PDB file of all heavy atoms in Angstrom:
ATOM      1  N   ALA A   1       0.800  -1.213  -0.003  1.00  0.00           N
ATOM      2  CA  ALA A   1       0.005   0.008   0.002  1.00  0.00           C
ATOM      3  C   ALA A   1       0.832   1.271   0.002  1.00  0.00           C
ATOM      4  O   ALA A   1       0.343   2.310  -0.388  1.00  0.00           O
ATOM      5  CB  ALA A   1      -0.925   0.000   1.221  1.00  0.00           C
ATOM      6  N   ALA A   2       2.068   1.178   0.446  1.00  0.00           N
ATOM      7  CA  ALA A   2       2.839   2.414   0.600  1.00  0.00           C
ATOM      8  C   ALA A   2       4.279   2.202   0.204  1.00  0.00           C
ATOM      9  O   ALA A   2       4.794   1.100   0.202  1.00  0.00           O
ATOM     10  CB  ALA A   2       2.759   2.877   2.047  1.00  0.00           C
ATOM     11  N   GLY A   3       4.951   3.312  -0.131  1.00  0.00           N
ATOM     12  CA  GLY A   3       6.333   3.240  -0.527  1.00  0.00           C
ATOM     13  C   GLY A   3       7.210   2.646   0.551  1.00  0.00           C
ATOM     14  O   GLY A   3       8.202   1.970   0.269  1.00  0.00           O
ATOM     15  N   SER A   4       6.858   2.889   1.833  1.00  0.00           N
ATOM     16  CA  SER A   4       7.681   2.379   2.928  1.00  0.00           C
ATOM     17  C   SER A   4       7.706   0.859   2.963  1.00  0.00           C
ATOM     18  O   SER A   4       8.628   0.264   3.527  1.00  0.00           O
ATOM     19  CB  SER A   4       7.161   2.923   4.261  1.00  0.00           C
ATOM     20  OG  SER A   4       5.824   2.509   4.469  1.00  0.00           O
ATOM     21  N   SER A   5       6.693   0.193   2.416  1.00  0.00           N
ATOM     22  CA  SER A   5       6.649  -1.267   2.439  1.00  0.00           C
ATOM     23  C   SER A   5       7.245  -1.889   1.190  1.00  0.00           C
ATOM     24  O   SER A   5       7.381  -3.103   1.123  1.00  0.00           O
ATOM     25  CB  SER A   5       5.203  -1.740   2.608  1.00  0.00           C
ATOM     26  OG  SER A   5       4.401  -1.285   1.522  1.00  0.00           O
ATOM     27  N   LEU A   6       7.620  -1.053   0.220  1.00  0.00           N
ATOM     28  CA  LEU A   6       8.170  -1.595  -1.027  1.00  0.00           C
ATOM     29  C   LEU A   6       9.415  -2.425  -0.808  1.00  0.00           C
ATOM     30  O   LEU A   6       9.512  -3.542  -1.351  1.00  0.00           O
ATOM     31  CB  LEU A   6       8.451  -0.452  -2.006  1.00  0.00           C
ATOM     32  CG  LEU A   6       7.294  -0.022  -2.898  1.00  0.00           C
ATOM     33  CD1 LEU A   6       7.663   1.251  -3.625  1.00  0.00           C
ATOM     34  CD2 LEU A   6       6.935  -1.108  -3.890  1.00  0.00           C
ATOM     35  N   PRO A   7      10.427  -1.969  -0.068  1.00  0.00           N
ATOM     36  CA  PRO A   7      11.635  -2.782   0.077  1.00  0.00           C
ATOM     37  C   PRO A   7      11.381  -4.175   0.620  1.00  0.00           C
ATOM     38  O   PRO A   7      12.061  -5.121   0.238  1.00  0.00           O
ATOM     39  CB  PRO A   7      12.499  -1.947   1.046  1.00  0.00           C
ATOM     40  CG  PRO A   7      12.048  -0.540   0.832  1.00  0.00           C
ATOM     41  CD  PRO A   7      10.566  -0.664   0.583  1.00  0.00           C
ATOM     42  N   LYS A   8      10.414  -4.321   1.517  1.00  0.00           N
ATOM     43  CA  LYS A   8      10.113  -5.635   2.082  1.00  0.00           C
ATOM     44  C   LYS A   8       9.495  -6.569   1.037  1.00  0.00           C
ATOM     45  O   LYS A   8       9.592  -7.783   1.136  1.00  0.00           O
ATOM     46  CB  LYS A   8       9.157  -5.479   3.262  1.00  0.00           C
ATOM     47  CG  LYS A   8       9.727  -4.660   4.404  1.00  0.00           C
ATOM     48  CD  LYS A   8       8.707  -4.502   5.515  1.00  0.00           C
ATOM     49  CE  LYS A   8       9.241  -3.616   6.637  1.00  0.00           C
ATOM     50  NZ  LYS A   8       8.243  -3.418   7.705  1.00  0.00           N
ATOM     51  N   HIS A   9       8.853  -5.974   0.044  1.00  0.00           N
ATOM     52  CA  HIS A   9       8.127  -6.769  -0.950  1.00  0.00           C
ATOM     53  C   HIS A   9       8.972  -7.130  -2.157  1.00  0.00           C
ATOM     54  O   HIS A   9       8.728  -8.149  -2.808  1.00  0.00           O
ATOM     55  CB  HIS A   9       6.892  -5.964  -1.408  1.00  0.00           C
ATOM     56  CG  HIS A   9       6.124  -6.618  -2.503  1.00  0.00           C
ATOM     57  ND1 HIS A   9       5.319  -7.732  -2.299  1.00  0.00           N
ATOM     58  CD2 HIS A   9       6.039  -6.331  -3.831  1.00  0.00           C
ATOM     59  CE1 HIS A   9       4.771  -8.070  -3.454  1.00  0.00           C
ATOM     60  NE2 HIS A   9       5.181  -7.244  -4.404  1.00  0.00           N
ATOM     61  N   ILE A  10       9.974  -6.338  -2.460  1.00  0.00           N
ATOM     62  CA  ILE A  10      10.697  -6.417  -3.722  1.00  0.00           C
ATOM     63  C   ILE A  10      11.218  -7.813  -4.018  1.00  0.00           C
ATOM     64  O   ILE A  10      11.035  -8.336  -5.125  1.00  0.00           O
ATOM     65  CB  ILE A  10      11.844  -5.393  -3.744  1.00  0.00           C
ATOM     66  CG1 ILE A  10      11.272  -4.003  -4.061  1.00  0.00           C
ATOM     67  CG2 ILE A  10      12.939  -5.757  -4.754  1.00  0.00           C
ATOM     68  CD1 ILE A  10      12.248  -2.868  -3.790  1.00  0.00           C
ATOM     69  N   PHE A  11      11.870  -8.454  -3.066  1.00  0.00           N
ATOM     70  CA  PHE A  11      12.545  -9.720  -3.345  1.00  0.00           C
ATOM     71  C   PHE A  11      11.592 -10.910  -3.307  1.00  0.00           C
ATOM     72  O   PHE A  11      12.006 -12.046  -3.540  1.00  0.00           O
ATOM     73  CB  PHE A  11      13.719  -9.913  -2.382  1.00  0.00           C
ATOM     74  CG  PHE A  11      14.752  -8.825  -2.519  1.00  0.00           C
ATOM     75  CD1 PHE A  11      14.916  -7.880  -1.515  1.00  0.00           C
ATOM     76  CD2 PHE A  11      15.497  -8.695  -3.663  1.00  0.00           C
ATOM     77  CE1 PHE A  11      15.855  -6.862  -1.642  1.00  0.00           C
ATOM     78  CE2 PHE A  11      16.445  -7.678  -3.810  1.00  0.00           C
ATOM     79  CZ  PHE A  11      16.604  -6.752  -2.788  1.00  0.00           C
ATOM     80  N   ASN A  12      10.323 -10.640  -3.025  1.00  0.00           N
ATOM     81  CA  ASN A  12       9.302 -11.683  -3.096  1.00  0.00           C
ATOM     82  C   ASN A  12       8.331 -11.428  -4.239  1.00  0.00           C
ATOM     83  O   ASN A  12       7.284 -12.061  -4.336  1.00  0.00           O
ATOM     84  CB  ASN A  12       8.514 -11.749  -1.780  1.00  0.00           C
ATOM     85  CG  ASN A  12       9.379 -12.158  -0.609  1.00  0.00           C
ATOM     86  OD1 ASN A  12      10.181 -13.087  -0.721  1.00  0.00           O
ATOM     87  ND2 ASN A  12       9.245 -11.468   0.508  1.00  0.00           N
ATOM     88  N   VAL A  13       8.665 -10.498  -5.131  1.00  0.00           N
ATOM     89  CA  VAL A  13       7.773 -10.149  -6.219  1.00  0.00           C
ATOM     90  C   VAL A  13       7.588 -11.343  -7.150  1.00  0.00           C
ATOM     91  O   VAL A  13       8.500 -12.140  -7.371  1.00  0.00           O
ATOM     92  CB  VAL A  13       8.308  -8.914  -6.994  1.00  0.00           C
ATOM     93  CG1 VAL A  13       9.539  -9.263  -7.792  1.00  0.00           C
ATOM     94  CG2 VAL A  13       7.237  -8.284  -7.861  1.00  0.00           C
ATOM     95  N   THR A  14       6.383 -11.492  -7.676  1.00  0.00           N
ATOM     96  CA  THR A  14       6.063 -12.566  -8.610  1.00  0.00           C
ATOM     97  C   THR A  14       5.758 -11.956  -9.971  1.00  0.00           C
ATOM     98  O   THR A  14       5.495 -10.742 -10.083  1.00  0.00           O
ATOM     99  CB  THR A  14       4.838 -13.360  -8.131  1.00  0.00           C
ATOM    100  OG1 THR A  14       3.673 -12.511  -8.225  1.00  0.00           O
ATOM    101  CG2 THR A  14       5.006 -13.840  -6.690  1.00  0.00           C
ATOM    102  N   PRO A  15       5.779 -12.764 -11.026  1.00  0.00           N
ATOM    103  CA  PRO A  15       5.435 -12.227 -12.347  1.00  0.00           C
ATOM    104  C   PRO A  15       4.060 -11.571 -12.364  1.00  0.00           C
ATOM    105  O   PRO A  15       3.839 -10.589 -13.090  1.00  0.00           O
ATOM    106  CB  PRO A  15       5.475 -13.471 -13.242  1.00  0.00           C
ATOM    107  CG  PRO A  15       6.445 -14.382 -12.582  1.00  0.00           C
ATOM    108  CD  PRO A  15       6.249 -14.178 -11.118  1.00  0.00           C
ATOM    109  N   ASN A  16       3.143 -12.064 -11.545  1.00  0.00           N
ATOM    110  CA  ASN A  16       1.788 -11.525 -11.547  1.00  0.00           C
ATOM    111  C   ASN A  16       1.706 -10.133 -10.928  1.00  0.00           C
ATOM    112  O   ASN A  16       0.824  -9.333 -11.289  1.00  0.00           O
ATOM    113  CB  ASN A  16       0.840 -12.460 -10.786  1.00  0.00           C
ATOM    114  CG  ASN A  16       0.578 -13.746 -11.534  1.00  0.00           C
ATOM    115  OD1 ASN A  16       0.702 -13.785 -12.762  1.00  0.00           O
ATOM    116  ND2 ASN A  16       0.247 -14.804 -10.808  1.00  0.00           N
ATOM    117  N   ASP A  17       2.603  -9.812  -9.979  1.00  0.00           N
ATOM    118  CA  ASP A  17       2.523  -8.493  -9.355  1.00  0.00           C
ATOM    119  C   ASP A  17       3.727  -7.612  -9.678  1.00  0.00           C
ATOM    120  O   ASP A  17       3.884  -6.547  -9.093  1.00  0.00           O
ATOM    121  CB  ASP A  17       2.311  -8.606  -7.834  1.00  0.00           C
ATOM    122  CG  ASP A  17       3.446  -9.315  -7.114  1.00  0.00           C
ATOM    123  OD1 ASP A  17       4.524  -9.509  -7.710  1.00  0.00           O
ATOM    124  OD2 ASP A  17       3.250  -9.680  -5.942  1.00  0.00           O
ATOM    125  N   PHE A  18       4.570  -8.030 -10.640  1.00  0.00           N
ATOM    126  CA  PHE A  18       5.739  -7.232 -10.977  1.00  0.00           C
ATOM    127  C   PHE A  18       5.326  -5.856 -11.512  1.00  0.00           C
ATOM    128  O   PHE A  18       5.879  -4.828 -11.088  1.00  0.00           O
ATOM    129  CB  PHE A  18       6.619  -7.941 -12.007  1.00  0.00           C
ATOM    130  CG  PHE A  18       7.881  -7.180 -12.333  1.00  0.00           C
ATOM    131  CD1 PHE A  18       9.044  -7.409 -11.616  1.00  0.00           C
ATOM    132  CD2 PHE A  18       7.906  -6.220 -13.339  1.00  0.00           C
ATOM    133  CE1 PHE A  18      10.212  -6.690 -11.897  1.00  0.00           C
ATOM    134  CE2 PHE A  18       9.056  -5.492 -13.636  1.00  0.00           C
ATOM    135  CZ  PHE A  18      10.212  -5.738 -12.901  1.00  0.00           C
ATOM    136  N   VAL A  19       4.391  -5.823 -12.428  1.00  0.00           N
ATOM    137  CA  VAL A  19       4.010  -4.550 -13.042  1.00  0.00           C
ATOM    138  C   VAL A  19       3.427  -3.601 -11.999  1.00  0.00           C
ATOM    139  O   VAL A  19       3.792  -2.412 -11.932  1.00  0.00           O
ATOM    140  CB  VAL A  19       3.009  -4.762 -14.196  1.00  0.00           C
ATOM    141  CG1 VAL A  19       2.478  -3.429 -14.706  1.00  0.00           C
ATOM    142  CG2 VAL A  19       3.655  -5.531 -15.342  1.00  0.00           C
ATOM    143  N   ALA A  20       2.543  -4.117 -11.144  1.00  0.00           N
ATOM    144  CA  ALA A  20       1.933  -3.269 -10.104  1.00  0.00           C
ATOM    145  C   ALA A  20       2.999  -2.739  -9.143  1.00  0.00           C
ATOM    146  O   ALA A  20       2.953  -1.570  -8.721  1.00  0.00           O
ATOM    147  CB  ALA A  20       0.862  -4.053  -9.347  1.00  0.00           C
ATOM    148  N   THR A  21       3.983  -3.581  -8.807  1.00  0.00           N
ATOM    149  CA  THR A  21       5.052  -3.144  -7.921  1.00  0.00           C
ATOM    150  C   THR A  21       5.919  -2.082  -8.590  1.00  0.00           C
ATOM    151  O   THR A  21       6.322  -1.093  -7.955  1.00  0.00           O
ATOM    152  CB  THR A  21       5.921  -4.339  -7.502  1.00  0.00           C
ATOM    153  OG1 THR A  21       5.103  -5.361  -6.931  1.00  0.00           O
ATOM    154  CG2 THR A  21       6.988  -3.936  -6.492  1.00  0.00           C
ATOM    155  N   ALA A  22       6.190  -2.273  -9.878  1.00  0.00           N
ATOM    156  CA  ALA A  22       6.972  -1.290 -10.626  1.00  0.00           C
ATOM    157  C   ALA A  22       6.247   0.046 -10.679  1.00  0.00           C
ATOM    158  O   ALA A  22       6.887   1.118 -10.611  1.00  0.00           O
ATOM    159  CB  ALA A  22       7.268  -1.805 -12.031  1.00  0.00           C
ATOM    160  N   MET A  23       4.932   0.024 -10.824  1.00  0.00           N
ATOM    161  CA  MET A  23       4.156   1.263 -10.854  1.00  0.00           C
ATOM    162  C   MET A  23       4.228   1.987  -9.495  1.00  0.00           C
ATOM    163  O   MET A  23       4.310   3.212  -9.442  1.00  0.00           O
ATOM    164  CB  MET A  23       2.701   0.985 -11.226  1.00  0.00           C
ATOM    165  CG  MET A  23       2.513   0.451 -12.638  1.00  0.00           C
ATOM    166  SD  MET A  23       3.099   1.622 -13.896  1.00  0.00           S
ATOM    167  CE  MET A  23       2.708   0.704 -15.382  1.00  0.00           C
ATOM    168  N   LEU A  24       4.177   1.217  -8.416  1.00  0.00           N
ATOM    169  CA  LEU A  24       4.328   1.816  -7.096  1.00  0.00           C
ATOM    170  C   LEU A  24       5.721   2.414  -6.927  1.00  0.00           C
ATOM    171  O   LEU A  24       5.884   3.504  -6.350  1.00  0.00           O
ATOM    172  CB  LEU A  24       4.089   0.761  -6.005  1.00  0.00           C
ATOM    173  CG  LEU A  24       2.645   0.329  -5.770  1.00  0.00           C
ATOM    174  CD1 LEU A  24       2.605  -0.849  -4.810  1.00  0.00           C
ATOM    175  CD2 LEU A  24       1.811   1.484  -5.219  1.00  0.00           C
ATOM    176  N   ALA A  25       6.714   1.705  -7.445  1.00  0.00           N
ATOM    177  CA  ALA A  25       8.093   2.232  -7.374  1.00  0.00           C
ATOM    178  C   ALA A  25       8.210   3.518  -8.179  1.00  0.00           C
ATOM    179  O   ALA A  25       8.899   4.462  -7.761  1.00  0.00           O
ATOM    180  CB  ALA A  25       9.063   1.183  -7.901  1.00  0.00           C
ATOM    181  N   TYR A  26       7.553   3.579  -9.313  1.00  0.00           N
ATOM    182  CA  TYR A  26       7.575   4.791 -10.139  1.00  0.00           C
ATOM    183  C   TYR A  26       6.984   5.975  -9.376  1.00  0.00           C
ATOM    184  O   TYR A  26       7.584   7.058  -9.311  1.00  0.00           O
ATOM    185  CB  TYR A  26       6.797   4.550 -11.432  1.00  0.00           C
ATOM    186  CG  TYR A  26       6.612   5.787 -12.276  1.00  0.00           C
ATOM    187  CD1 TYR A  26       7.695   6.410 -12.887  1.00  0.00           C
ATOM    188  CD2 TYR A  26       5.340   6.327 -12.454  1.00  0.00           C
ATOM    189  CE1 TYR A  26       7.518   7.538 -13.662  1.00  0.00           C
ATOM    190  CE2 TYR A  26       5.156   7.456 -13.235  1.00  0.00           C
ATOM    191  CZ  TYR A  26       6.245   8.068 -13.830  1.00  0.00           C
ATOM    192  OH  TYR A  26       6.069   9.198 -14.587  1.00  0.00           O
ATOM    193  N   GLN A  27       5.818   5.779  -8.778  1.00  0.00           N
ATOM    194  CA  GLN A  27       5.199   6.867  -8.011  1.00  0.00           C
ATOM    195  C   GLN A  27       6.050   7.260  -6.805  1.00  0.00           C
ATOM    196  O   GLN A  27       6.209   8.442  -6.492  1.00  0.00           O
ATOM    197  CB  GLN A  27       3.803   6.432  -7.555  1.00  0.00           C
ATOM    198  CG  GLN A  27       2.809   6.215  -8.695  1.00  0.00           C
ATOM    199  CD  GLN A  27       2.585   7.484  -9.518  1.00  0.00           C
ATOM    200  OE1 GLN A  27       2.682   8.602  -8.993  1.00  0.00           O
ATOM    201  NE2 GLN A  27       2.289   7.320 -10.799  1.00  0.00           N
ATOM    202  N   HIS A  28       6.631   6.272  -6.152  1.00  0.00           N
ATOM    203  CA  HIS A  28       7.482   6.530  -4.992  1.00  0.00           C
ATOM    204  C   HIS A  28       8.691   7.378  -5.394  1.00  0.00           C
ATOM    205  O   HIS A  28       9.043   8.347  -4.708  1.00  0.00           O
ATOM    206  CB  HIS A  28       7.933   5.206  -4.386  1.00  0.00           C
ATOM    207  CG  HIS A  28       8.928   5.351  -3.275  1.00  0.00           C
ATOM    208  ND1 HIS A  28       8.556   5.729  -1.989  1.00  0.00           N
ATOM    209  CD2 HIS A  28      10.264   5.179  -3.237  1.00  0.00           C
ATOM    210  CE1 HIS A  28       9.623   5.782  -1.231  1.00  0.00           C
ATOM    211  NE2 HIS A  28      10.682   5.454  -1.952  1.00  0.00           N
ATOM    212  N   GLN A  29       9.305   7.060  -6.516  1.00  0.00           N
ATOM    213  CA  GLN A  29      10.513   7.779  -6.924  1.00  0.00           C
ATOM    214  C   GLN A  29      10.189   9.131  -7.538  1.00  0.00           C
ATOM    215  O   GLN A  29      10.994  10.074  -7.409  1.00  0.00           O
ATOM    216  CB  GLN A  29      11.349   6.910  -7.848  1.00  0.00           C
ATOM    217  CG  GLN A  29      11.880   5.696  -7.073  1.00  0.00           C
ATOM    218  CD  GLN A  29      12.905   4.891  -7.829  1.00  0.00           C
ATOM    219  OE1 GLN A  29      12.837   4.738  -9.029  1.00  0.00           O
ATOM    220  NE2 GLN A  29      13.871   4.346  -7.093  1.00  0.00           N
ATOM    221  N   LEU A  30       9.031   9.270  -8.156  1.00  0.00           N
ATOM    222  CA  LEU A  30       8.615  10.614  -8.581  1.00  0.00           C
ATOM    223  C   LEU A  30       8.511  11.550  -7.383  1.00  0.00           C
ATOM    224  O   LEU A  30       8.858  12.726  -7.450  1.00  0.00           O
ATOM    225  CB  LEU A  30       7.265  10.543  -9.298  1.00  0.00           C
ATOM    226  CG  LEU A  30       7.219  10.381 -10.805  1.00  0.00           C
ATOM    227  CD1 LEU A  30       5.785  10.580 -11.294  1.00  0.00           C
ATOM    228  CD2 LEU A  30       8.148  11.363 -11.526  1.00  0.00           C
ATOM    229  N   GLN A  31       8.032  10.997  -6.275  1.00  0.00           N
ATOM    230  CA  GLN A  31       7.822  11.802  -5.084  1.00  0.00           C
ATOM    231  C   GLN A  31       9.127  12.083  -4.327  1.00  0.00           C
ATOM    232  O   GLN A  31       9.329  13.181  -3.824  1.00  0.00           O
ATOM    233  CB  GLN A  31       6.835  11.104  -4.150  1.00  0.00           C
ATOM    234  CG  GLN A  31       6.530  11.880  -2.870  1.00  0.00           C
ATOM    235  CD  GLN A  31       5.523  11.177  -1.988  1.00  0.00           C
ATOM    236  OE1 GLN A  31       4.971  10.131  -2.370  1.00  0.00           O
ATOM    237  NE2 GLN A  31       5.290  11.713  -0.805  1.00  0.00           N
ATOM    238  N   HIS A  32      10.030  11.100  -4.287  1.00  0.00           N
ATOM    239  CA  HIS A  32      11.180  11.212  -3.381  1.00  0.00           C
ATOM    240  C   HIS A  32      12.519  11.407  -4.075  1.00  0.00           C
ATOM    241  O   HIS A  32      13.509  11.691  -3.396  1.00  0.00           O
ATOM    242  CB  HIS A  32      11.251   9.946  -2.518  1.00  0.00           C
ATOM    243  CG  HIS A  32      10.086   9.769  -1.609  1.00  0.00           C
ATOM    244  ND1 HIS A  32       9.937  10.508  -0.450  1.00  0.00           N
ATOM    245  CD2 HIS A  32       8.991   8.954  -1.690  1.00  0.00           C
ATOM    246  CE1 HIS A  32       8.809  10.147   0.162  1.00  0.00           C
ATOM    247  NE2 HIS A  32       8.213   9.209  -0.582  1.00  0.00           N
ATOM    248  N   ASN A  33      12.575  11.266  -5.393  1.00  0.00           N
ATOM    249  CA  ASN A  33      13.832  11.418  -6.122  1.00  0.00           C
ATOM    250  C   ASN A  33      13.780  12.697  -6.943  1.00  0.00           C
ATOM    251  O   ASN A  33      13.169  12.730  -8.023  1.00  0.00           O
ATOM    252  CB  ASN A  33      14.090  10.200  -7.015  1.00  0.00           C
ATOM    253  CG  ASN A  33      15.462  10.221  -7.667  1.00  0.00           C
ATOM    254  OD1 ASN A  33      15.984  11.283  -8.005  1.00  0.00           O
ATOM    255  ND2 ASN A  33      16.035   9.046  -7.863  1.00  0.00           N
ATOM    256  N   ALA A  34      14.399  13.762  -6.441  1.00  0.00           N
ATOM    257  CA  ALA A  34      14.306  15.063  -7.113  1.00  0.00           C
ATOM    258  C   ALA A  34      14.927  15.043  -8.501  1.00  0.00           C
ATOM    259  O   ALA A  34      14.426  15.694  -9.430  1.00  0.00           O
ATOM    260  CB  ALA A  34      15.010  16.124  -6.250  1.00  0.00           C
ATOM    261  N   VAL A  35      16.015  14.308  -8.674  1.00  0.00           N
ATOM    262  CA  VAL A  35      16.678  14.238  -9.989  1.00  0.00           C
ATOM    263  C   VAL A  35      15.777  13.551 -11.000  1.00  0.00           C
ATOM    264  O   VAL A  35      15.599  14.035 -12.119  1.00  0.00           O
ATOM    265  CB  VAL A  35      18.028  13.510  -9.871  1.00  0.00           C
ATOM    266  CG1 VAL A  35      18.630  13.266 -11.252  1.00  0.00           C
ATOM    267  CG2 VAL A  35      18.986  14.297  -9.001  1.00  0.00           C
ATOM    268  N   TYR A  36      15.209  12.426 -10.606  1.00  0.00           N
ATOM    269  CA  TYR A  36      14.310  11.697 -11.503  1.00  0.00           C
ATOM    270  C   TYR A  36      13.067  12.509 -11.818  1.00  0.00           C
ATOM    271  O   TYR A  36      12.616  12.583 -12.972  1.00  0.00           O
ATOM    272  CB  TYR A  36      13.942  10.354 -10.897  1.00  0.00           C
ATOM    273  CG  TYR A  36      13.081   9.487 -11.790  1.00  0.00           C
ATOM    274  CD1 TYR A  36      13.549   9.048 -13.025  1.00  0.00           C
ATOM    275  CD2 TYR A  36      11.804   9.092 -11.385  1.00  0.00           C
ATOM    276  CE1 TYR A  36      12.773   8.242 -13.841  1.00  0.00           C
ATOM    277  CE2 TYR A  36      11.026   8.278 -12.190  1.00  0.00           C
ATOM    278  CZ  TYR A  36      11.520   7.865 -13.411  1.00  0.00           C
ATOM    279  OH  TYR A  36      10.727   7.061 -14.219  1.00  0.00           O
ATOM    280  N   ARG A  37      12.489  13.143 -10.790  1.00  0.00           N
ATOM    281  CA  ARG A  37      11.297  13.950 -11.000  1.00  0.00           C
ATOM    282  C   ARG A  37      11.569  15.091 -11.985  1.00  0.00           C
ATOM    283  O   ARG A  37      10.780  15.344 -12.911  1.00  0.00           O
ATOM    284  CB  ARG A  37      10.794  14.515  -9.674  1.00  0.00           C
ATOM    285  CG  ARG A  37       9.534  15.370  -9.807  1.00  0.00           C
ATOM    286  CD  ARG A  37       8.958  15.724  -8.447  1.00  0.00           C
ATOM    287  NE  ARG A  37       9.878  16.522  -7.632  1.00  0.00           N
ATOM    288  CZ  ARG A  37      10.511  16.035  -6.553  1.00  0.00           C
ATOM    289  NH1 ARG A  37      10.343  14.798  -6.160  1.00  0.00           N
ATOM    290  NH2 ARG A  37      11.328  16.829  -5.855  1.00  0.00           N
ATOM    291  N   GLN A  38      12.706  15.770 -11.822  1.00  0.00           N
ATOM    292  CA  GLN A  38      13.039  16.870 -12.714  1.00  0.00           C
ATOM    293  C   GLN A  38      13.241  16.358 -14.149  1.00  0.00           C
ATOM    294  O   GLN A  38      12.846  17.020 -15.106  1.00  0.00           O
ATOM    295  CB  GLN A  38      14.291  17.576 -12.228  1.00  0.00           C
ATOM    296  CG  GLN A  38      14.649  18.803 -13.046  1.00  0.00           C
ATOM    297  CD  GLN A  38      15.833  19.570 -12.486  1.00  0.00           C
ATOM    298  OE1 GLN A  38      16.405  19.186 -11.472  1.00  0.00           O
ATOM    299  NE2 GLN A  38      16.203  20.654 -13.143  1.00  0.00           N
ATOM    300  N   TYR A  39      13.847  15.191 -14.270  1.00  0.00           N
ATOM    301  CA  TYR A  39      14.053  14.610 -15.610  1.00  0.00           C
ATOM    302  C   TYR A  39      12.705  14.312 -16.267  1.00  0.00           C
ATOM    303  O   TYR A  39      12.473  14.654 -17.445  1.00  0.00           O
ATOM    304  CB  TYR A  39      14.884  13.333 -15.514  1.00  0.00           C
ATOM    305  CG  TYR A  39      14.989  12.603 -16.837  1.00  0.00           C
ATOM    306  CD1 TYR A  39      15.792  13.098 -17.870  1.00  0.00           C
ATOM    307  CD2 TYR A  39      14.270  11.427 -17.069  1.00  0.00           C
ATOM    308  CE1 TYR A  39      15.875  12.435 -19.085  1.00  0.00           C
ATOM    309  CE2 TYR A  39      14.355  10.763 -18.281  1.00  0.00           C
ATOM    310  CZ  TYR A  39      15.151  11.272 -19.288  1.00  0.00           C
ATOM    311  OH  TYR A  39      15.223  10.636 -20.504  1.00  0.00           O
ATOM    312  N   VAL A  40      11.787  13.711 -15.518  1.00  0.00           N
ATOM    313  CA  VAL A  40      10.466  13.383 -16.062  1.00  0.00           C
ATOM    314  C   VAL A  40       9.711  14.661 -16.445  1.00  0.00           C
ATOM    315  O   VAL A  40       9.022  14.710 -17.484  1.00  0.00           O
ATOM    316  CB  VAL A  40       9.665  12.544 -15.047  1.00  0.00           C
ATOM    317  CG1 VAL A  40       8.227  12.340 -15.516  1.00  0.00           C
ATOM    318  CG2 VAL A  40      10.336  11.186 -14.826  1.00  0.00           C
ATOM    319  N   GLN A  41       9.844  15.694 -15.643  1.00  0.00           N
ATOM    320  CA  GLN A  41       9.231  16.965 -15.959  1.00  0.00           C
ATOM    321  C   GLN A  41       9.839  17.584 -17.231  1.00  0.00           C
ATOM    322  O   GLN A  41       9.123  18.114 -18.083  1.00  0.00           O
ATOM    323  CB  GLN A  41       9.350  17.935 -14.790  1.00  0.00           C
ATOM    324  CG  GLN A  41       8.514  17.553 -13.581  1.00  0.00           C
ATOM    325  CD  GLN A  41       8.834  18.399 -12.371  1.00  0.00           C
ATOM    326  OE1 GLN A  41       9.931  18.963 -12.240  1.00  0.00           O
ATOM    327  NE2 GLN A  41       7.866  18.509 -11.436  1.00  0.00           N
TER     328      GLN A  41
END
């Protein structure tokens, strides 16, 4: 549900939830990675 729980989930990711996890990672890094956010903008 939240970016804080992503690291715990990453190494147990399955093919069925890989895309959803990647989308959460994308939103998390847009919010917390200033370099990446500026590049996307």
